[in-house]
Amino acid sequence: MYKNPILHADYSDPDVIRVDEAYYMTASSFTHFPGLPILRSEDLVNWQLIGYAVQRYPGNQFDMPRPGKGIWAPSIRCHEGRTYIYWGDPDAGIYRVCAPSPEGPWEPPTLLLPGRGLIDPCPFWDDDGRAYLVHAWAKSRAAFNSVLTLRNMSPDGSQISPEGTHIFDGRKDHPTIEGPKLYKRNGYYYVFAPAGGVSHGWQTVLRSKHITGPYEAKIVLEQGSTPINGPHQGGWVETPEHRSWFIHFQDAGAYGRILHLQPMTWKNDWPVIGIDSNGDGTGEPVLVHTKPVVKEKSPEATPSESDEFNTGRLGLQWHWQANPRPQWVQFRKQANQLRLLAIPHPLPEPDLRGVPNLLLQRFPAPDFQATAKMQLFPETGAPRAGLVITGDDYACIELALQGRKIHLRQVAFQHGKEQVVEDMPYQDSPVFLRVQISSPDALCRFSYSSDGQRFTAIGKAFTARPGRWVGARMGLFCISQVPLNPAGYADFDWFRVE
């Protein structure tokens, strides 16, 4: 048996494929880099993060944080021995990366179809060798949405026709239809596409005998009597035994868009996702269900969270708020430490949301605590470093140089302004910084210790908030409050999540 969610972490807009007996998944990453996470599983329940398809965005438009932009709703497919991921950048157009296998190595991104508002693309190779691409539209850029468009594509997937055909208009019955995934089964073309909005929407499936339509529409998954709001936006995959499964996300606020696995059956050539208790062909999400059949029992696995910083490189769980730069980080291999350099703050007013060199990762569970052991080494200026929770607002516990003394502080950014909540001189070194997160509201409580055993609370509780299309993040930082470089550094012995 398994219990949903299969991943209580922010992997928005998932898409999944099977290669032989392994499953691979990717998800939106927006402006966090490296981007396009690649996850691997042997049973669709236990997933490990194995890499990224995009190390940095081309050009310099994401050298600074640009919340909510960048890599939206990717699709992953294999064709003739190569793996492809297509995604839409709402401000630039449709991009592609490719690799010899889902495990890489991945070629740099290529912009195939420039244009504003082109989002959520999915490639499709038909039985006759012809290739197509279906996509949605972002109203904020294109001035309309709720329409799905089909375009011809070259057989190698490297060229997309500038002319397209609108194959479905959902404005009446399926508003905000988006995220299309194109498949073929038993002579029907199917487009799986969520509608109704992220928080309260449903999963629509379209079908037609002709790829250009006309398409019939049917709601195949909705919240119903369950607590799983907005169950949609995901991908269909088959096991080697031809059993169908569907992975989708649920909007969980500050925890992000967490992932569920639904059984999927077929009735009169329509998919039924979840459990159809009343027989109307529309399923509801399952909370507990029998696992997919596998040859051997798979070990329990989730993406890593803790990092001892003893490998000479960052763990795969980490990402930055912008294109990474090598001067942000060093490794002290003999001491097994991560060193973050105090890079000058890029904004005139204190606001960590605009700092590119925040080292972040997803919330991994409803209730957890994260602890970091660190030491601040100021040289000039006014460096600050610590442990942060960030989204639309943020709060952190940090060491900061004030005058000639190091202070321990809890700082919060709310209502458009950063404020020091509690401040005290602090001479002990190193220091252990901790945050505890509690469900259901992602309430964060900060504390500190000089010995790693006895922790003292500091400041006030802080309720984490999601960012732009993403859940809240936790992580580490080291910056300079004045334009001096270098202004010092912070050494982190480890970061542990329980």
Foldseek 3Di string as FASTA:
>chain_A
DDFPPLFLFAFAQKEWEDDAQKIWIWGADFFWAPHTWIWIDRFVRFIATQAGQRHAAPDCPFVWFDPPFDWHRWYWDDDPQKIKIWWAGQQFGIKMWIASDSNDDIDHIDHAATDHFWGQKEKDQDPVLWIKIKFWGDCVTPVDTQWIWMWTAPSVRRHTDPDIATQDHPVPPFARWGNWYWDDDPQKIKTWTWGDDQFATFIKIWIDNDPSDNTDIDTQEGAPPHPQHRWGRWYWYAGPVRWIKTKTWGQQWQLHTTIHIWGWDADPNQIHTHDDPPPPNHHHHDRDDDTGDGPDDDDHHDYDDKDQQQPFDDGNQKIWSGNDDPQQWGGDNVLSKIKGFAAADPDPADDCNGRGGFIKGGDGDQKKKKKWWKFWDFDDFKKKKFKKKDAPKIWTWIWIQDPNFIKTFIWIGDPNHIDTQDIDTDDQPTKMKMWIFHDDQRKIWIWIDNPVPDTDTDGDIDGHGHHNNGHMIMGMDMHGHDNDPGGTIMIISIMDMD
